[in-house]
C-alpha atoms as a PDB file:
ATOM      1  CA  MET A   1     115.932  93.028 113.029  1.00  0.00           C
ATOM      2  CA  SER A   2     113.897  93.574 109.829  1.00  0.00           C
ATOM      3  CA  TRP A   3     111.177  95.472 111.672  1.00  0.00           C
ATOM      4  CA  LEU A   4     113.791  97.804 113.149  1.00  0.00           C
ATOM      5  CA  LEU A   5     115.082  98.714 109.683  1.00  0.00           C
ATOM      6  CA  VAL A   6     111.542  99.425 108.445  1.00  0.00           C
ATOM      7  CA  PHE A   7     110.846 101.435 111.602  1.00  0.00           C
ATOM      8  CA  ALA A   8     114.028 103.528 111.228  1.00  0.00           C
ATOM      9  CA  GLY A   9     113.449 104.108 107.519  1.00  0.00           C
ATOM     10  CA  GLY A  10     109.831 105.100 108.115  1.00  0.00           C
ATOM     11  CA  GLY A  11     110.876 107.579 110.774  1.00  0.00           C
ATOM     12  CA  LEU A  12     113.489 109.114 108.483  1.00  0.00           C
ATOM     13  CA  GLY A  13     110.979 109.297 105.643  1.00  0.00           C
ATOM     14  CA  SER A  14     108.415 110.989 107.875  1.00  0.00           C
ATOM     15  CA  LEU A  15     111.005 113.510 109.036  1.00  0.00           C
ATOM     16  CA  ALA A  16     111.987 114.221 105.438  1.00  0.00           C
ATOM     17  CA  ARG A  17     108.331 114.789 104.500  1.00  0.00           C
ATOM     18  CA  TYR A  18     107.930 117.100 107.503  1.00  0.00           C
ATOM     19  CA  GLY A  19     111.046 118.998 106.394  1.00  0.00           C
ATOM     20  CA  ILE A  20     109.618 119.559 102.926  1.00  0.00           C
ATOM     21  CA  ALA A  21     106.347 120.771 104.445  1.00  0.00           C
ATOM     22  CA  ARG A  22     108.277 123.256 106.597  1.00  0.00           C
ATOM     23  CA  VAL A  23     110.176 124.853 103.698  1.00  0.00           C
ATOM     24  CA  MET A  24     107.292 125.022 101.237  1.00  0.00           C
ATOM     25  CA  PRO A  25     104.304 127.316 101.723  1.00  0.00           C
ATOM     26  CA  PRO A  26     101.117 125.553 102.824  1.00  0.00           C
ATOM     27  CA  ALA A  27      98.359 125.255 100.250  1.00  0.00           C
ATOM     28  CA  GLU A  28      95.032 126.930 100.820  1.00  0.00           C
ATOM     29  CA  LEU A  29      92.836 124.077  99.605  1.00  0.00           C
ATOM     30  CA  ALA A  30      89.703 126.166 100.091  1.00  0.00           C
ATOM     31  CA  GLU A  31      91.202 128.620  97.590  1.00  0.00           C
ATOM     32  CA  GLY A  32      91.910 125.863  95.056  1.00  0.00           C
ATOM     33  CA  GLU A  33      95.690 125.924  95.524  1.00  0.00           C
ATOM     34  CA  ILE A  34      97.577 122.767  94.612  1.00  0.00           C
ATOM     35  CA  PRO A  35      99.348 121.215  97.633  1.00  0.00           C
ATOM     36  CA  TRP A  36     102.836 121.275  96.153  1.00  0.00           C
ATOM     37  CA  PHE A  37     104.621 119.835  99.190  1.00  0.00           C
ATOM     38  CA  THR A  38     102.612 116.603  98.997  1.00  0.00           C
ATOM     39  CA  LEU A  39     103.207 116.400  95.262  1.00  0.00           C
ATOM     40  CA  VAL A  40     106.956 116.971  95.698  1.00  0.00           C
ATOM     41  CA  ALA A  41     107.226 114.387  98.498  1.00  0.00           C
ATOM     42  CA  ASN A  42     105.358 111.768  96.488  1.00  0.00           C
ATOM     43  CA  ILE A  43     107.392 112.343  93.322  1.00  0.00           C
ATOM     44  CA  LEU A  44     110.674 112.242  95.250  1.00  0.00           C
ATOM     45  CA  ALA A  45     109.547 108.989  96.883  1.00  0.00           C
ATOM     46  CA  CYS A  46     108.849 107.598  93.410  1.00  0.00           C
ATOM     47  CA  ILE A  47     112.383 108.543  92.341  1.00  0.00           C
ATOM     48  CA  VAL A  48     113.902 106.792  95.373  1.00  0.00           C
ATOM     49  CA  LEU A  49     111.736 103.744  94.711  1.00  0.00           C
ATOM     50  CA  GLY A  50     112.653 103.699  91.016  1.00  0.00           C
ATOM     51  CA  VAL A  51     116.372 103.835  91.782  1.00  0.00           C
ATOM     52  CA  GLY A  52     115.913 101.127  94.405  1.00  0.00           C
ATOM     53  CA  ILE A  53     114.023  98.827  92.045  1.00  0.00           C
ATOM     54  CA  GLY A  54     116.685  99.407  89.407  1.00  0.00           C
ATOM     55  CA  LEU A  55     119.428  98.486  91.864  1.00  0.00           C
ATOM     56  CA  LEU A  56     117.446  95.436  92.973  1.00  0.00           C
ATOM     57  CA  SER A  57     117.186  94.266  89.366  1.00  0.00           C
ATOM     58  CA  LYS A  58     121.003  94.274  89.227  1.00  0.00           C
ATOM     59  CA  ASP A  59     121.362  92.645  92.660  1.00  0.00           C
ATOM     60  CA  GLN A  60     123.026  95.812  93.971  1.00  0.00           C
ATOM     61  CA  LEU A  61     120.719  96.490  96.906  1.00  0.00           C
ATOM     62  CA  SER A  62     120.955  94.312  99.983  1.00  0.00           C
ATOM     63  CA  LYS A  63     117.859  93.099 101.812  1.00  0.00           C
ATOM     64  CA  PRO A  64     118.579  95.371 104.825  1.00  0.00           C
ATOM     65  CA  LEU A  65     118.874  98.446 102.564  1.00  0.00           C
ATOM     66  CA  GLN A  66     115.723  97.391 100.725  1.00  0.00           C
ATOM     67  CA  LEU A  67     113.844  97.304 104.028  1.00  0.00           C
ATOM     68  CA  LEU A  68     115.360 100.584 105.234  1.00  0.00           C
ATOM     69  CA  LEU A  69     114.988 102.616 102.030  1.00  0.00           C
ATOM     70  CA  LEU A  70     112.216 101.120  99.927  1.00  0.00           C
ATOM     71  CA  THR A  71     109.821  99.779 102.529  1.00  0.00           C
ATOM     72  CA  GLY A  72     110.588 102.128 105.416  1.00  0.00           C
ATOM     73  CA  PHE A  73     111.770 105.434 103.955  1.00  0.00           C
ATOM     74  CA  CYS A  74     109.468 105.481 100.924  1.00  0.00           C
ATOM     75  CA  GLY A  75     106.547 104.333 103.058  1.00  0.00           C
ATOM     76  CA  GLY A  76     107.120 107.140 105.561  1.00  0.00           C
ATOM     77  CA  PHE A  77     107.990 109.764 102.958  1.00  0.00           C
ATOM     78  CA  SER A  78     105.202 109.268 100.441  1.00  0.00           C
ATOM     79  CA  THR A  79     101.716 110.079 101.541  1.00  0.00           C
ATOM     80  CA  PHE A  80      98.748 108.722  99.629  1.00  0.00           C
ATOM     81  CA  SER A  81      96.310 109.375 102.463  1.00  0.00           C
ATOM     82  CA  THR A  82      97.221 113.085 102.520  1.00  0.00           C
ATOM     83  CA  PHE A  83      96.888 113.204  98.731  1.00  0.00           C
ATOM     84  CA  ALA A  84      93.409 111.664  98.956  1.00  0.00           C
ATOM     85  CA  ALA A  85      92.301 114.000 101.751  1.00  0.00           C
ATOM     86  CA  GLU A  86      93.579 117.105  99.951  1.00  0.00           C
ATOM     87  CA  LEU A  87      91.862 116.027  96.762  1.00  0.00           C
ATOM     88  CA  LEU A  88      88.574 115.464  98.577  1.00  0.00           C
ATOM     89  CA  LEU A  89      88.762 118.851 100.322  1.00  0.00           C
ATOM     90  CA  MET A  90      89.504 120.622  97.045  1.00  0.00           C
ATOM     91  CA  GLY A  91      86.471 118.935  95.499  1.00  0.00           C
ATOM     92  CA  GLU A  92      84.225 119.781  98.434  1.00  0.00           C
ATOM     93  CA  GLU A  93      85.189 123.431  97.991  1.00  0.00           C
ATOM     94  CA  GLY A  94      84.218 123.203  94.316  1.00  0.00           C
ATOM     95  CA  HIS A  95      87.749 123.505  92.937  1.00  0.00           C
ATOM     96  CA  TRP A  96      87.493 120.585  90.518  1.00  0.00           C
ATOM     97  CA  GLY A  97      89.793 122.137  87.898  1.00  0.00           C
ATOM     98  CA  PRO A  98      92.808 122.432  90.225  1.00  0.00           C
ATOM     99  CA  ALA A  99      91.875 119.046  91.760  1.00  0.00           C
ATOM    100  CA  LEU A 100      92.047 117.369  88.348  1.00  0.00           C
ATOM    101  CA  ILE A 101      95.367 119.089  87.630  1.00  0.00           C
ATOM    102  CA  TYR A 102      96.639 117.790  90.988  1.00  0.00           C
ATOM    103  CA  VAL A 103      95.550 114.247  90.116  1.00  0.00           C
ATOM    104  CA  ALA A 104      97.174 114.435  86.689  1.00  0.00           C
ATOM    105  CA  LEU A 105     100.421 115.907  88.028  1.00  0.00           C
ATOM    106  CA  SER A 106     100.532 113.321  90.823  1.00  0.00           C
ATOM    107  CA  LEU A 107      99.907 110.318  88.607  1.00  0.00           C
ATOM    108  CA  LEU A 108     101.891 111.359  85.557  1.00  0.00           C
ATOM    109  CA  GLY A 109     104.670 112.928  87.625  1.00  0.00           C
ATOM    110  CA  GLY A 110     104.939 109.977  89.992  1.00  0.00           C
ATOM    111  CA  VAL A 111     104.861 107.261  87.356  1.00  0.00           C
ATOM    112  CA  GLY A 112     107.116 109.282  85.066  1.00  0.00           C
ATOM    113  CA  ALA A 113     109.639 109.949  87.834  1.00  0.00           C
ATOM    114  CA  LEU A 114     109.685 106.290  88.872  1.00  0.00           C
ATOM    115  CA  TRP A 115     110.099 105.162  85.274  1.00  0.00           C
ATOM    116  CA  LEU A 116     112.917 107.625  84.577  1.00  0.00           C
ATOM    117  CA  ALA A 117     114.739 106.763  87.813  1.00  0.00           C
ATOM    118  CA  LEU A 118     114.380 103.067  87.020  1.00  0.00           C
ATOM    119  CA  LEU A 119     115.838 103.564  83.556  1.00  0.00           C
ATOM    120  CA  ILE A 120     118.770 105.518  84.940  1.00  0.00           C
ATOM    121  CA  ALA A 121     119.458 102.995  87.705  1.00  0.00           C
ATOM    122  CA  ARG A 122     119.355 100.054  85.320  1.00  0.00           C
END
């Protein structure tokens, strides 16, 4: 049963990420544009994870919901491999300035969003 919850959550997370990609304009990495849809998806996943961890710390999130939302949904919604590939392509095109901004926004935004969501949930 656990695997089914992770599977369902991952599918929902992947669909949510696809939805964000459909409504946001694609980035032209060769032009040095920051891939905002990946950044938004990853930060939103950090918020969901932060709220989930906060609820877990208060014993307010059941094991099935933990598997569905934190393991499945966040795993399917966030996308480190896409982040890494976009960063590499930006660097290969010589756009190191925007690439460094993307790294900083991703790390600071993700950790900051998770921290803030955790504080609010606790």
